[in-house]
Amino acid sequence: MVKAYIIREASGAKYNVFSIENANQKSKNWKKKMYIVSTHDNPNTLLSMMRSMAKSKTAGGATKVIGLDMQSSGKDYKDKFLVKKVSTGTTKDKAEDIKSNQIDKTGHAKVYNQLNPIN
């Protein structure tokens, strides 16, 4: 994983910031958002990756919670989670700054990123 990061940095990879909003009204986390920094550009790829975290043994915290929410939404989870691009084509440091600013603007109670880790 470290090697891939170094290669992406050296190759001048551009990073994007996305927000994923839970639009499933039946979910207890309805209207919560998660901000993600990624080199991926396809919203469907991001949703699939986040949903797969529900079964991960290493993922935890907010990532695990949003993955479980997606999994519990069933086959139409892509309709119940809205992906928006916040920023595109930046460096990793700039993208992380944008992500942090968005979390602060949105408010900690409305963001998955601020949840306590699952025990």
PDB file of N, CA and C in Angstrom:
ATOM      1  N   MET A   1       0.821  -1.184   0.000  1.00  0.00           N
ATOM      2  CA  MET A   1       0.000   0.000   0.000  1.00  0.00           C
ATOM      3  C   MET A   1       0.870   1.256   0.000  1.00  0.00           C
ATOM      4  N   VAL A   2       1.961   1.235   0.720  1.00  0.00           N
ATOM      5  CA  VAL A   2       2.864   2.376   0.753  1.00  0.00           C
ATOM      6  C   VAL A   2       3.495   2.582  -0.615  1.00  0.00           C
ATOM      7  N   LYS A   3       3.856   1.490  -1.284  1.00  0.00           N
ATOM      8  CA  LYS A   3       4.462   1.604  -2.606  1.00  0.00           C
ATOM      9  C   LYS A   3       3.523   2.276  -3.587  1.00  0.00           C
ATOM     10  N   ALA A   4       2.242   1.915  -3.550  1.00  0.00           N
ATOM     11  CA  ALA A   4       1.261   2.513  -4.456  1.00  0.00           C
ATOM     12  C   ALA A   4       1.147   4.011  -4.197  1.00  0.00           C
ATOM     13  N   TYR A   5       1.189   4.417  -2.938  1.00  0.00           N
ATOM     14  CA  TYR A   5       1.102   5.825  -2.586  1.00  0.00           C
ATOM     15  C   TYR A   5       2.303   6.586  -3.144  1.00  0.00           C
ATOM     16  N   ILE A   6       3.482   6.027  -2.991  1.00  0.00           N
ATOM     17  CA  ILE A   6       4.700   6.679  -3.475  1.00  0.00           C
ATOM     18  C   ILE A   6       4.666   6.805  -4.998  1.00  0.00           C
ATOM     19  N   ILE A   7       4.234   5.766  -5.670  1.00  0.00           N
ATOM     20  CA  ILE A   7       4.151   5.803  -7.135  1.00  0.00           C
ATOM     21  C   ILE A   7       3.155   6.861  -7.580  1.00  0.00           C
ATOM     22  N   ARG A   8       2.000   6.942  -6.918  1.00  0.00           N
ATOM     23  CA  ARG A   8       1.003   7.947  -7.305  1.00  0.00           C
ATOM     24  C   ARG A   8       1.540   9.360  -7.082  1.00  0.00           C
ATOM     25  N   GLU A   9       2.212   9.584  -5.958  1.00  0.00           N
ATOM     26  CA  GLU A   9       2.775  10.900  -5.685  1.00  0.00           C
ATOM     27  C   GLU A   9       3.838  11.255  -6.721  1.00  0.00           C
ATOM     28  N   ALA A  10       4.698  10.291  -7.037  1.00  0.00           N
ATOM     29  CA  ALA A  10       5.784  10.538  -7.979  1.00  0.00           C
ATOM     30  C   ALA A  10       5.259  10.753  -9.395  1.00  0.00           C
ATOM     31  N   SER A  11       4.154  10.120  -9.727  1.00  0.00           N
ATOM     32  CA  SER A  11       3.622  10.253 -11.081  1.00  0.00           C
ATOM     33  C   SER A  11       2.767  11.509 -11.235  1.00  0.00           C
ATOM     34  N   GLY A  12       2.649  12.292 -10.174  1.00  0.00           N
ATOM     35  CA  GLY A  12       1.866  13.519 -10.265  1.00  0.00           C
ATOM     36  C   GLY A  12       0.376  13.265 -10.237  1.00  0.00           C
ATOM     37  N   ALA A  13      -0.053  12.262  -9.497  1.00  0.00           N
ATOM     38  CA  ALA A  13      -1.474  11.924  -9.419  1.00  0.00           C
ATOM     39  C   ALA A  13      -2.266  13.108  -8.893  1.00  0.00           C
ATOM     40  N   LYS A  14      -3.457  13.269  -9.408  1.00  0.00           N
ATOM     41  CA  LYS A  14      -4.350  14.334  -8.963  1.00  0.00           C
ATOM     42  C   LYS A  14      -5.405  13.725  -8.050  1.00  0.00           C
ATOM     43  N   TYR A  15      -5.721  14.431  -6.998  1.00  0.00           N
ATOM     44  CA  TYR A  15      -6.667  13.946  -6.000  1.00  0.00           C
ATOM     45  C   TYR A  15      -7.966  14.729  -6.072  1.00  0.00           C
ATOM     46  N   ASN A  16      -9.050  14.028  -5.778  1.00  0.00           N
ATOM     47  CA  ASN A  16     -10.385  14.607  -5.783  1.00  0.00           C
ATOM     48  C   ASN A  16     -10.978  14.489  -4.386  1.00  0.00           C
ATOM     49  N   VAL A  17     -11.841  15.429  -4.036  1.00  0.00           N
ATOM     50  CA  VAL A  17     -12.566  15.365  -2.774  1.00  0.00           C
ATOM     51  C   VAL A  17     -14.036  15.170  -3.104  1.00  0.00           C
ATOM     52  N   PHE A  18     -14.636  14.150  -2.492  1.00  0.00           N
ATOM     53  CA  PHE A  18     -16.042  13.836  -2.714  1.00  0.00           C
ATOM     54  C   PHE A  18     -16.797  13.887  -1.401  1.00  0.00           C
ATOM     55  N   SER A  19     -18.082  14.192  -1.489  1.00  0.00           N
ATOM     56  CA  SER A  19     -18.957  14.008  -0.326  1.00  0.00           C
ATOM     57  C   SER A  19     -19.965  12.926  -0.708  1.00  0.00           C
ATOM     58  N   ILE A  20     -20.195  12.024   0.229  1.00  0.00           N
ATOM     59  CA  ILE A  20     -21.211  10.988   0.050  1.00  0.00           C
ATOM     60  C   ILE A  20     -22.281  11.253   1.101  1.00  0.00           C
ATOM     61  N   GLU A  21     -23.511  11.484   0.654  1.00  0.00           N
ATOM     62  CA  GLU A  21     -24.599  11.783   1.586  1.00  0.00           C
ATOM     63  C   GLU A  21     -25.583  10.624   1.644  1.00  0.00           C
ATOM     64  N   ASN A  22     -25.959  10.262   2.855  1.00  0.00           N
ATOM     65  CA  ASN A  22     -26.946   9.212   3.067  1.00  0.00           C
ATOM     66  C   ASN A  22     -28.329   9.817   2.844  1.00  0.00           C
ATOM     67  N   ALA A  23     -28.999   9.429   1.757  1.00  0.00           N
ATOM     68  CA  ALA A  23     -30.323   9.940   1.422  1.00  0.00           C
ATOM     69  C   ALA A  23     -31.416   8.917   1.719  1.00  0.00           C
ATOM     70  N   ASN A  24     -31.070   7.880   2.474  1.00  0.00           N
ATOM     71  CA  ASN A  24     -32.025   6.833   2.842  1.00  0.00           C
ATOM     72  C   ASN A  24     -32.788   7.284   4.081  1.00  0.00           C
ATOM     73  N   GLN A  25     -34.050   7.664   3.910  1.00  0.00           N
ATOM     74  CA  GLN A  25     -34.841   8.201   5.011  1.00  0.00           C
ATOM     75  C   GLN A  25     -35.094   7.182   6.115  1.00  0.00           C
ATOM     76  N   LYS A  26     -34.947   5.904   5.835  1.00  0.00           N
ATOM     77  CA  LYS A  26     -35.171   4.868   6.840  1.00  0.00           C
ATOM     78  C   LYS A  26     -33.946   4.646   7.726  1.00  0.00           C
ATOM     79  N   SER A  27     -32.827   5.221   7.351  1.00  0.00           N
ATOM     80  CA  SER A  27     -31.579   5.039   8.092  1.00  0.00           C
ATOM     81  C   SER A  27     -31.502   6.000   9.272  1.00  0.00           C
ATOM     82  N   LYS A  28     -30.926   5.531  10.377  1.00  0.00           N
ATOM     83  CA  LYS A  28     -30.736   6.426  11.523  1.00  0.00           C
ATOM     84  C   LYS A  28     -29.685   7.488  11.224  1.00  0.00           C
ATOM     85  N   ASN A  29     -28.869   7.266  10.208  1.00  0.00           N
ATOM     86  CA  ASN A  29     -27.848   8.228   9.805  1.00  0.00           C
ATOM     87  C   ASN A  29     -28.263   9.039   8.583  1.00  0.00           C
ATOM     88  N   TRP A  30     -29.576   9.179   8.376  1.00  0.00           N
ATOM     89  CA  TRP A  30     -30.109   9.934   7.242  1.00  0.00           C
ATOM     90  C   TRP A  30     -29.530  11.349   7.240  1.00  0.00           C
ATOM     91  N   LYS A  31     -29.142  11.805   6.075  1.00  0.00           N
ATOM     92  CA  LYS A  31     -28.578  13.131   5.813  1.00  0.00           C
ATOM     93  C   LYS A  31     -27.148  13.306   6.327  1.00  0.00           C
ATOM     94  N   LYS A  32     -26.537  12.266   6.864  1.00  0.00           N
ATOM     95  CA  LYS A  32     -25.129  12.385   7.262  1.00  0.00           C
ATOM     96  C   LYS A  32     -24.262  12.304   6.017  1.00  0.00           C
ATOM     97  N   LYS A  33     -23.116  12.946   6.077  1.00  0.00           N
ATOM     98  CA  LYS A  33     -22.193  12.971   4.949  1.00  0.00           C
ATOM     99  C   LYS A  33     -20.859  12.380   5.368  1.00  0.00           C
ATOM    100  N   MET A  34     -20.136  11.911   4.366  1.00  0.00           N
ATOM    101  CA  MET A  34     -18.760  11.485   4.577  1.00  0.00           C
ATOM    102  C   MET A  34     -17.925  12.127   3.481  1.00  0.00           C
ATOM    103  N   TYR A  35     -16.814  12.701   3.866  1.00  0.00           N
ATOM    104  CA  TYR A  35     -15.910  13.324   2.900  1.00  0.00           C
ATOM    105  C   TYR A  35     -14.735  12.403   2.664  1.00  0.00           C
ATOM    106  N   ILE A  36     -14.386  12.216   1.379  1.00  0.00           N
ATOM    107  CA  ILE A  36     -13.353  11.267   0.990  1.00  0.00           C
ATOM    108  C   ILE A  36     -12.379  11.939   0.027  1.00  0.00           C
ATOM    109  N   VAL A  37     -11.104  11.643   0.209  1.00  0.00           N
ATOM    110  CA  VAL A  37     -10.065  12.053  -0.737  1.00  0.00           C
ATOM    111  C   VAL A  37      -9.681  10.815  -1.530  1.00  0.00           C
ATOM    112  N   SER A  38      -9.693  10.933  -2.855  1.00  0.00           N
ATOM    113  CA  SER A  38      -9.436   9.764  -3.697  1.00  0.00           C
ATOM    114  C   SER A  38      -8.825  10.180  -5.029  1.00  0.00           C
ATOM    115  N   THR A  39      -8.086   9.246  -5.625  1.00  0.00           N
ATOM    116  CA  THR A  39      -7.608   9.464  -6.995  1.00  0.00           C
ATOM    117  C   THR A  39      -8.639   8.968  -7.996  1.00  0.00           C
ATOM    118  N   HIS A  40      -9.629   8.230  -7.518  1.00  0.00           N
ATOM    119  CA  HIS A  40     -10.695   7.752  -8.405  1.00  0.00           C
ATOM    120  C   HIS A  40     -11.586   8.910  -8.809  1.00  0.00           C
ATOM    121  N   ASP A  41     -12.193   8.773  -9.976  1.00  0.00           N
ATOM    122  CA  ASP A  41     -13.025   9.848 -10.517  1.00  0.00           C
ATOM    123  C   ASP A  41     -14.468   9.411 -10.714  1.00  0.00           C
ATOM    124  N   ASN A  42     -14.740   8.121 -10.597  1.00  0.00           N
ATOM    125  CA  ASN A  42     -16.065   7.585 -10.873  1.00  0.00           C
ATOM    126  C   ASN A  42     -16.849   7.419  -9.567  1.00  0.00           C
ATOM    127  N   PRO A  43     -18.008   8.088  -9.425  1.00  0.00           N
ATOM    128  CA  PRO A  43     -18.811   7.973  -8.210  1.00  0.00           C
ATOM    129  C   PRO A  43     -19.257   6.535  -7.900  1.00  0.00           C
ATOM    130  N   ASN A  44     -19.561   5.755  -8.919  1.00  0.00           N
ATOM    131  CA  ASN A  44     -19.988   4.371  -8.688  1.00  0.00           C
ATOM    132  C   ASN A  44     -18.857   3.529  -8.096  1.00  0.00           C
ATOM    133  N   THR A  45     -17.635   3.802  -8.515  1.00  0.00           N
ATOM    134  CA  THR A  45     -16.480   3.099  -7.957  1.00  0.00           C
ATOM    135  C   THR A  45     -16.334   3.414  -6.474  1.00  0.00           C
ATOM    136  N   LEU A  46     -16.503   4.685  -6.121  1.00  0.00           N
ATOM    137  CA  LEU A  46     -16.408   5.079  -4.713  1.00  0.00           C
ATOM    138  C   LEU A  46     -17.474   4.398  -3.872  1.00  0.00           C
ATOM    139  N   LEU A  47     -18.699   4.377  -4.368  1.00  0.00           N
ATOM    140  CA  LEU A  47     -19.782   3.737  -3.615  1.00  0.00           C
ATOM    141  C   LEU A  47     -19.520   2.247  -3.430  1.00  0.00           C
ATOM    142  N   SER A  48     -19.050   1.589  -4.471  1.00  0.00           N
ATOM    143  CA  SER A  48     -18.750   0.156  -4.373  1.00  0.00           C
ATOM    144  C   SER A  48     -17.648  -0.104  -3.359  1.00  0.00           C
ATOM    145  N   MET A  49     -16.610   0.734  -3.382  1.00  0.00           N
ATOM    146  CA  MET A  49     -15.509   0.568  -2.429  1.00  0.00           C
ATOM    147  C   MET A  49     -15.986   0.790  -0.997  1.00  0.00           C
ATOM    148  N   MET A  50     -16.808   1.800  -0.790  1.00  0.00           N
ATOM    149  CA  MET A  50     -17.302   2.079   0.562  1.00  0.00           C
ATOM    150  C   MET A  50     -18.217   0.961   1.052  1.00  0.00           C
ATOM    151  N   ARG A  51     -19.045   0.428   0.158  1.00  0.00           N
ATOM    152  CA  ARG A  51     -19.952  -0.654   0.549  1.00  0.00           C
ATOM    153  C   ARG A  51     -19.174  -1.909   0.920  1.00  0.00           C
ATOM    154  N   SER A  52     -18.077  -2.148   0.238  1.00  0.00           N
ATOM    155  CA  SER A  52     -17.280  -3.341   0.523  1.00  0.00           C
ATOM    156  C   SER A  52     -16.622  -3.260   1.905  1.00  0.00           C
ATOM    157  N   MET A  53     -16.527  -2.090   2.480  1.00  0.00           N
ATOM    158  CA  MET A  53     -15.925  -1.923   3.804  1.00  0.00           C
ATOM    159  C   MET A  53     -16.769  -2.568   4.903  1.00  0.00           C
ATOM    160  N   ALA A  54     -18.036  -2.818   4.635  1.00  0.00           N
ATOM    161  CA  ALA A  54     -18.907  -3.442   5.637  1.00  0.00           C
ATOM    162  C   ALA A  54     -18.405  -4.838   5.992  1.00  0.00           C
ATOM    163  N   LYS A  55     -17.786  -5.512   5.039  1.00  0.00           N
ATOM    164  CA  LYS A  55     -17.295  -6.874   5.268  1.00  0.00           C
ATOM    165  C   LYS A  55     -15.818  -6.908   5.657  1.00  0.00           C
ATOM    166  N   SER A  56     -15.173  -5.767   5.651  1.00  0.00           N
ATOM    167  CA  SER A  56     -13.742  -5.700   5.938  1.00  0.00           C
ATOM    168  C   SER A  56     -13.455  -5.975   7.412  1.00  0.00           C
ATOM    169  N   LYS A  57     -12.382  -6.702   7.650  1.00  0.00           N
ATOM    170  CA  LYS A  57     -11.966  -6.974   9.028  1.00  0.00           C
ATOM    171  C   LYS A  57     -11.011  -5.906   9.534  1.00  0.00           C
ATOM    172  N   THR A  58     -10.461  -5.109   8.640  1.00  0.00           N
ATOM    173  CA  THR A  58      -9.511  -4.086   9.055  1.00  0.00           C
ATOM    174  C   THR A  58     -10.122  -2.692   9.127  1.00  0.00           C
ATOM    175  N   ALA A  59     -11.192  -2.449   8.387  1.00  0.00           N
ATOM    176  CA  ALA A  59     -11.831  -1.126   8.407  1.00  0.00           C
ATOM    177  C   ALA A  59     -12.586  -0.951   9.712  1.00  0.00           C
ATOM    178  N   GLY A  60     -12.647   0.263  10.162  1.00  0.00           N
ATOM    179  CA  GLY A  60     -13.375   0.541  11.393  1.00  0.00           C
ATOM    180  C   GLY A  60     -13.880   1.965  11.405  1.00  0.00           C
ATOM    181  N   GLY A  61     -14.505   2.353  12.472  1.00  0.00           N
ATOM    182  CA  GLY A  61     -14.991   3.714  12.625  1.00  0.00           C
ATOM    183  C   GLY A  61     -16.042   4.084  11.602  1.00  0.00           C
ATOM    184  N   ALA A  62     -15.924   5.310  11.112  1.00  0.00           N
ATOM    185  CA  ALA A  62     -16.916   5.860  10.200  1.00  0.00           C
ATOM    186  C   ALA A  62     -16.993   5.092   8.884  1.00  0.00           C
ATOM    187  N   THR A  63     -15.860   4.620   8.408  1.00  0.00           N
ATOM    188  CA  THR A  63     -15.837   3.856   7.158  1.00  0.00           C
ATOM    189  C   THR A  63     -16.687   2.606   7.283  1.00  0.00           C
ATOM    190  N   LYS A  64     -16.561   1.930   8.391  1.00  0.00           N
ATOM    191  CA  LYS A  64     -17.336   0.714   8.635  1.00  0.00           C
ATOM    192  C   LYS A  64     -18.826   1.053   8.752  1.00  0.00           C
ATOM    193  N   VAL A  65     -19.149   2.143   9.439  1.00  0.00           N
ATOM    194  CA  VAL A  65     -20.547   2.529   9.646  1.00  0.00           C
ATOM    195  C   VAL A  65     -21.234   2.862   8.327  1.00  0.00           C
ATOM    196  N   ILE A  66     -20.583   3.654   7.477  1.00  0.00           N
ATOM    197  CA  ILE A  66     -21.215   3.994   6.199  1.00  0.00           C
ATOM    198  C   ILE A  66     -21.314   2.753   5.304  1.00  0.00           C
ATOM    199  N   GLY A  67     -20.325   1.870   5.373  1.00  0.00           N
ATOM    200  CA  GLY A  67     -20.400   0.610   4.617  1.00  0.00           C
ATOM    201  C   GLY A  67     -21.574  -0.240   5.056  1.00  0.00           C
ATOM    202  N   LEU A  68     -21.801  -0.314   6.360  1.00  0.00           N
ATOM    203  CA  LEU A  68     -22.945  -1.071   6.884  1.00  0.00           C
ATOM    204  C   LEU A  68     -24.266  -0.422   6.495  1.00  0.00           C
ATOM    205  N   ASP A  69     -24.320   0.905   6.493  1.00  0.00           N
ATOM    206  CA  ASP A  69     -25.531   1.599   6.051  1.00  0.00           C
ATOM    207  C   ASP A  69     -25.831   1.293   4.586  1.00  0.00           C
ATOM    208  N   MET A  70     -24.786   1.269   3.762  1.00  0.00           N
ATOM    209  CA  MET A  70     -24.976   0.955   2.340  1.00  0.00           C
ATOM    210  C   MET A  70     -25.434  -0.487   2.166  1.00  0.00           C
ATOM    211  N   GLN A  71     -24.828  -1.376   2.913  1.00  0.00           N
ATOM    212  CA  GLN A  71     -25.194  -2.783   2.813  1.00  0.00           C
ATOM    213  C   GLN A  71     -26.650  -3.002   3.240  1.00  0.00           C
ATOM    214  N   SER A  72     -27.087  -2.309   4.281  1.00  0.00           N
ATOM    215  CA  SER A  72     -28.456  -2.486   4.756  1.00  0.00           C
ATOM    216  C   SER A  72     -29.482  -1.841   3.828  1.00  0.00           C
ATOM    217  N   SER A  73     -29.027  -0.989   2.908  1.00  0.00           N
ATOM    218  CA  SER A  73     -29.934  -0.344   1.949  1.00  0.00           C
ATOM    219  C   SER A  73     -30.341  -1.278   0.817  1.00  0.00           C
ATOM    220  N   GLY A  74     -29.663  -2.409   0.696  1.00  0.00           N
ATOM    221  CA  GLY A  74     -30.013  -3.382  -0.331  1.00  0.00           C
ATOM    222  C   GLY A  74     -29.378  -3.074  -1.671  1.00  0.00           C
ATOM    223  N   LYS A  75     -29.975  -3.660  -2.709  1.00  0.00           N
ATOM    224  CA  LYS A  75     -29.397  -3.556  -4.054  1.00  0.00           C
ATOM    225  C   LYS A  75     -29.452  -2.147  -4.630  1.00  0.00           C
ATOM    226  N   ASP A  76     -30.398  -1.337  -4.180  1.00  0.00           N
ATOM    227  CA  ASP A  76     -30.515   0.016  -4.732  1.00  0.00           C
ATOM    228  C   ASP A  76     -29.763   1.063  -3.904  1.00  0.00           C
ATOM    229  N   TYR A  77     -28.673   0.641  -3.264  1.00  0.00           N
ATOM    230  CA  TYR A  77     -27.896   1.562  -2.427  1.00  0.00           C
ATOM    231  C   TYR A  77     -27.352   2.746  -3.215  1.00  0.00           C
ATOM    232  N   LYS A  78     -27.104   2.562  -4.508  1.00  0.00           N
ATOM    233  CA  LYS A  78     -26.560   3.664  -5.322  1.00  0.00           C
ATOM    234  C   LYS A  78     -27.572   4.792  -5.478  1.00  0.00           C
ATOM    235  N   ASP A  79     -28.868   4.476  -5.312  1.00  0.00           N
ATOM    236  CA  ASP A  79     -29.900   5.505  -5.364  1.00  0.00           C
ATOM    237  C   ASP A  79     -30.069   6.198  -4.010  1.00  0.00           C
ATOM    238  N   LYS A  80     -29.615   5.560  -2.947  1.00  0.00           N
ATOM    239  CA  LYS A  80     -29.830   6.087  -1.599  1.00  0.00           C
ATOM    240  C   LYS A  80     -28.615   6.811  -1.026  1.00  0.00           C
ATOM    241  N   PHE A  81     -27.529   6.834  -1.771  1.00  0.00           N
ATOM    242  CA  PHE A  81     -26.334   7.557  -1.350  1.00  0.00           C
ATOM    243  C   PHE A  81     -25.892   8.458  -2.496  1.00  0.00           C
ATOM    244  N   LEU A  82     -25.877   9.758  -2.243  1.00  0.00           N
ATOM    245  CA  LEU A  82     -25.572  10.743  -3.276  1.00  0.00           C
ATOM    246  C   LEU A  82     -24.103  11.145  -3.197  1.00  0.00           C
ATOM    247  N   VAL A  83     -23.431  11.096  -4.343  1.00  0.00           N
ATOM    248  CA  VAL A  83     -22.011  11.459  -4.409  1.00  0.00           C
ATOM    249  C   VAL A  83     -21.886  12.786  -5.158  1.00  0.00           C
ATOM    250  N   LYS A  84     -21.154  13.717  -4.537  1.00  0.00           N
ATOM    251  CA  LYS A  84     -20.905  15.015  -5.174  1.00  0.00           C
ATOM    252  C   LYS A  84     -19.413  15.295  -5.131  1.00  0.00           C
ATOM    253  N   LYS A  85     -18.898  15.865  -6.220  1.00  0.00           N
ATOM    254  CA  LYS A  85     -17.498  16.293  -6.242  1.00  0.00           C
ATOM    255  C   LYS A  85     -17.403  17.640  -5.550  1.00  0.00           C
ATOM    256  N   VAL A  86     -16.522  17.716  -4.588  1.00  0.00           N
ATOM    257  CA  VAL A  86     -16.288  18.972  -3.883  1.00  0.00           C
ATOM    258  C   VAL A  86     -15.118  19.706  -4.531  1.00  0.00           C
ATOM    259  N   SER A  87     -14.088  18.948  -4.916  1.00  0.00           N
ATOM    260  CA  SER A  87     -12.896  19.528  -5.524  1.00  0.00           C
ATOM    261  C   SER A  87     -12.247  18.478  -6.423  1.00  0.00           C
ATOM    262  N   THR A  88     -11.594  18.921  -7.479  1.00  0.00           N
ATOM    263  CA  THR A  88     -10.935  17.978  -8.383  1.00  0.00           C
ATOM    264  C   THR A  88      -9.534  18.454  -8.725  1.00  0.00           C
ATOM    265  N   GLY A  89      -8.674  17.478  -9.029  1.00  0.00           N
ATOM    266  CA  GLY A  89      -7.356  17.755  -9.578  1.00  0.00           C
ATOM    267  C   GLY A  89      -6.394  18.517  -8.694  1.00  0.00           C
ATOM    268  N   THR A  90      -6.354  18.191  -7.411  1.00  0.00           N
ATOM    269  CA  THR A  90      -5.442  18.891  -6.505  1.00  0.00           C
ATOM    270  C   THR A  90      -4.362  17.940  -5.994  1.00  0.00           C
ATOM    271  N   THR A  91      -3.429  18.481  -5.253  1.00  0.00           N
ATOM    272  CA  THR A  91      -2.423  17.647  -4.608  1.00  0.00           C
ATOM    273  C   THR A  91      -3.066  16.968  -3.399  1.00  0.00           C
ATOM    274  N   LYS A  92      -2.400  15.968  -2.871  1.00  0.00           N
ATOM    275  CA  LYS A  92      -2.950  15.239  -1.723  1.00  0.00           C
ATOM    276  C   LYS A  92      -3.097  16.150  -0.509  1.00  0.00           C
ATOM    277  N   ASP A  93      -2.104  16.970  -0.235  1.00  0.00           N
ATOM    278  CA  ASP A  93      -2.173  17.867   0.923  1.00  0.00           C
ATOM    279  C   ASP A  93      -3.317  18.866   0.792  1.00  0.00           C
ATOM    280  N   LYS A  94      -3.469  19.444  -0.384  1.00  0.00           N
ATOM    281  CA  LYS A  94      -4.542  20.414  -0.622  1.00  0.00           C
ATOM    282  C   LYS A  94      -5.904  19.725  -0.493  1.00  0.00           C
ATOM    283  N   ALA A  95      -6.018  18.510  -1.024  1.00  0.00           N
ATOM    284  CA  ALA A  95      -7.281  17.767  -0.941  1.00  0.00           C
ATOM    285  C   ALA A  95      -7.634  17.462   0.513  1.00  0.00           C
ATOM    286  N   GLU A  96      -6.637  17.088   1.320  1.00  0.00           N
ATOM    287  CA  GLU A  96      -6.878  16.821   2.744  1.00  0.00           C
ATOM    288  C   GLU A  96      -7.323  18.093   3.473  1.00  0.00           C
ATOM    289  N   ASP A  97      -6.747  19.231   3.112  1.00  0.00           N
ATOM    290  CA  ASP A  97      -7.165  20.504   3.707  1.00  0.00           C
ATOM    291  C   ASP A  97      -8.613  20.827   3.359  1.00  0.00           C
ATOM    292  N   ILE A  98      -8.969  20.625   2.092  1.00  0.00           N
ATOM    293  CA  ILE A  98     -10.339  20.884   1.654  1.00  0.00           C
ATOM    294  C   ILE A  98     -11.307  19.973   2.399  1.00  0.00           C
ATOM    295  N   LYS A  99     -10.939  18.707   2.535  1.00  0.00           N
ATOM    296  CA  LYS A  99     -11.768  17.745   3.268  1.00  0.00           C
ATOM    297  C   LYS A  99     -11.989  18.201   4.713  1.00  0.00           C
ATOM    298  N   SER A 100     -10.932  18.600   5.379  1.00  0.00           N
ATOM    299  CA  SER A 100     -11.036  19.067   6.768  1.00  0.00           C
ATOM    300  C   SER A 100     -11.928  20.293   6.881  1.00  0.00           C
ATOM    301  N   ASN A 101     -11.771  21.231   5.956  1.00  0.00           N
ATOM    302  CA  ASN A 101     -12.608  22.436   5.967  1.00  0.00           C
ATOM    303  C   ASN A 101     -14.072  22.101   5.750  1.00  0.00           C
ATOM    304  N   GLN A 102     -14.356  21.154   4.860  1.00  0.00           N
ATOM    305  CA  GLN A 102     -15.739  20.757   4.600  1.00  0.00           C
ATOM    306  C   GLN A 102     -16.361  20.104   5.835  1.00  0.00           C
ATOM    307  N   ILE A 103     -15.586  19.280   6.531  1.00  0.00           N
ATOM    308  CA  ILE A 103     -16.088  18.639   7.754  1.00  0.00           C
ATOM    309  C   ILE A 103     -16.434  19.705   8.786  1.00  0.00           C
ATOM    310  N   ASP A 104     -15.575  20.690   8.946  1.00  0.00           N
ATOM    311  CA  ASP A 104     -15.831  21.759   9.910  1.00  0.00           C
ATOM    312  C   ASP A 104     -17.045  22.604   9.522  1.00  0.00           C
ATOM    313  N   LYS A 105     -17.186  22.899   8.218  1.00  0.00           N
ATOM    314  CA  LYS A 105     -18.327  23.690   7.744  1.00  0.00           C
ATOM    315  C   LYS A 105     -19.647  22.947   7.954  1.00  0.00           C
ATOM    316  N   THR A 106     -19.654  21.662   7.654  1.00  0.00           N
ATOM    317  CA  THR A 106     -20.879  20.866   7.728  1.00  0.00           C
ATOM    318  C   THR A 106     -21.343  20.711   9.169  1.00  0.00           C
ATOM    319  N   GLY A 107     -20.417  20.616  10.067  1.00  0.00           N
ATOM    320  CA  GLY A 107     -20.759  20.399  11.473  1.00  0.00           C
ATOM    321  C   GLY A 107     -20.501  18.952  11.840  1.00  0.00           C
ATOM    322  N   HIS A 108     -19.847  18.758  12.952  1.00  0.00           N
ATOM    323  CA  HIS A 108     -19.396  17.425  13.337  1.00  0.00           C
ATOM    324  C   HIS A 108     -20.534  16.439  13.572  1.00  0.00           C
ATOM    325  N   ALA A 109     -21.697  16.905  13.988  1.00  0.00           N
ATOM    326  CA  ALA A 109     -22.817  15.994  14.258  1.00  0.00           C
ATOM    327  C   ALA A 109     -23.432  15.447  12.973  1.00  0.00           C
ATOM    328  N   LYS A 110     -23.168  16.084  11.835  1.00  0.00           N
ATOM    329  CA  LYS A 110     -23.784  15.691  10.568  1.00  0.00           C
ATOM    330  C   LYS A 110     -22.823  14.956   9.651  1.00  0.00           C
ATOM    331  N   VAL A 111     -21.675  14.527  10.183  1.00  0.00           N
ATOM    332  CA  VAL A 111     -20.644  13.922   9.350  1.00  0.00           C
ATOM    333  C   VAL A 111     -20.220  12.569   9.905  1.00  0.00           C
ATOM    334  N   TYR A 112     -20.190  11.561   9.037  1.00  0.00           N
ATOM    335  CA  TYR A 112     -19.714  10.232   9.432  1.00  0.00           C
ATOM    336  C   TYR A 112     -18.283  10.281   9.945  1.00  0.00           C
ATOM    337  N   ASN A 113     -17.460  11.101   9.326  1.00  0.00           N
ATOM    338  CA  ASN A 113     -16.030  11.162   9.648  1.00  0.00           C
ATOM    339  C   ASN A 113     -15.753  11.425  11.132  1.00  0.00           C
ATOM    340  N   GLN A 114     -16.730  11.926  11.862  1.00  0.00           N
ATOM    341  CA  GLN A 114     -16.515  12.288  13.257  1.00  0.00           C
ATOM    342  C   GLN A 114     -17.050  11.246  14.239  1.00  0.00           C
ATOM    343  N   LEU A 115     -17.533  10.118  13.750  1.00  0.00           N
ATOM    344  CA  LEU A 115     -18.066   9.089  14.644  1.00  0.00           C
ATOM    345  C   LEU A 115     -16.955   8.419  15.424  1.00  0.00           C
ATOM    346  N   ASN A 116     -17.272   7.932  16.599  1.00  0.00           N
ATOM    347  CA  ASN A 116     -16.311   7.163  17.380  1.00  0.00           C
ATOM    348  C   ASN A 116     -16.138   5.804  16.742  1.00  0.00           C
ATOM    349  N   PRO A 117     -14.948   5.210  16.843  1.00  0.00           N
ATOM    350  CA  PRO A 117     -14.717   3.888  16.259  1.00  0.00           C
ATOM    351  C   PRO A 117     -15.613   2.816  16.900  1.00  0.00           C
ATOM    352  N   ILE A 118     -15.956   1.821  16.106  1.00  0.00           N
ATOM    353  CA  ILE A 118     -16.744   0.689  16.606  1.00  0.00           C
ATOM    354  C   ILE A 118     -15.836  -0.200  17.423  1.00  0.00           C
ATOM    355  N   ASN A 119     -16.281  -0.629  18.566  1.00  0.00           N
ATOM    356  CA  ASN A 119     -15.485  -1.535  19.415  1.00  0.00           C
ATOM    357  C   ASN A 119     -15.719  -2.971  19.040  1.00  0.00           C
TER     358      ASN A 119
END
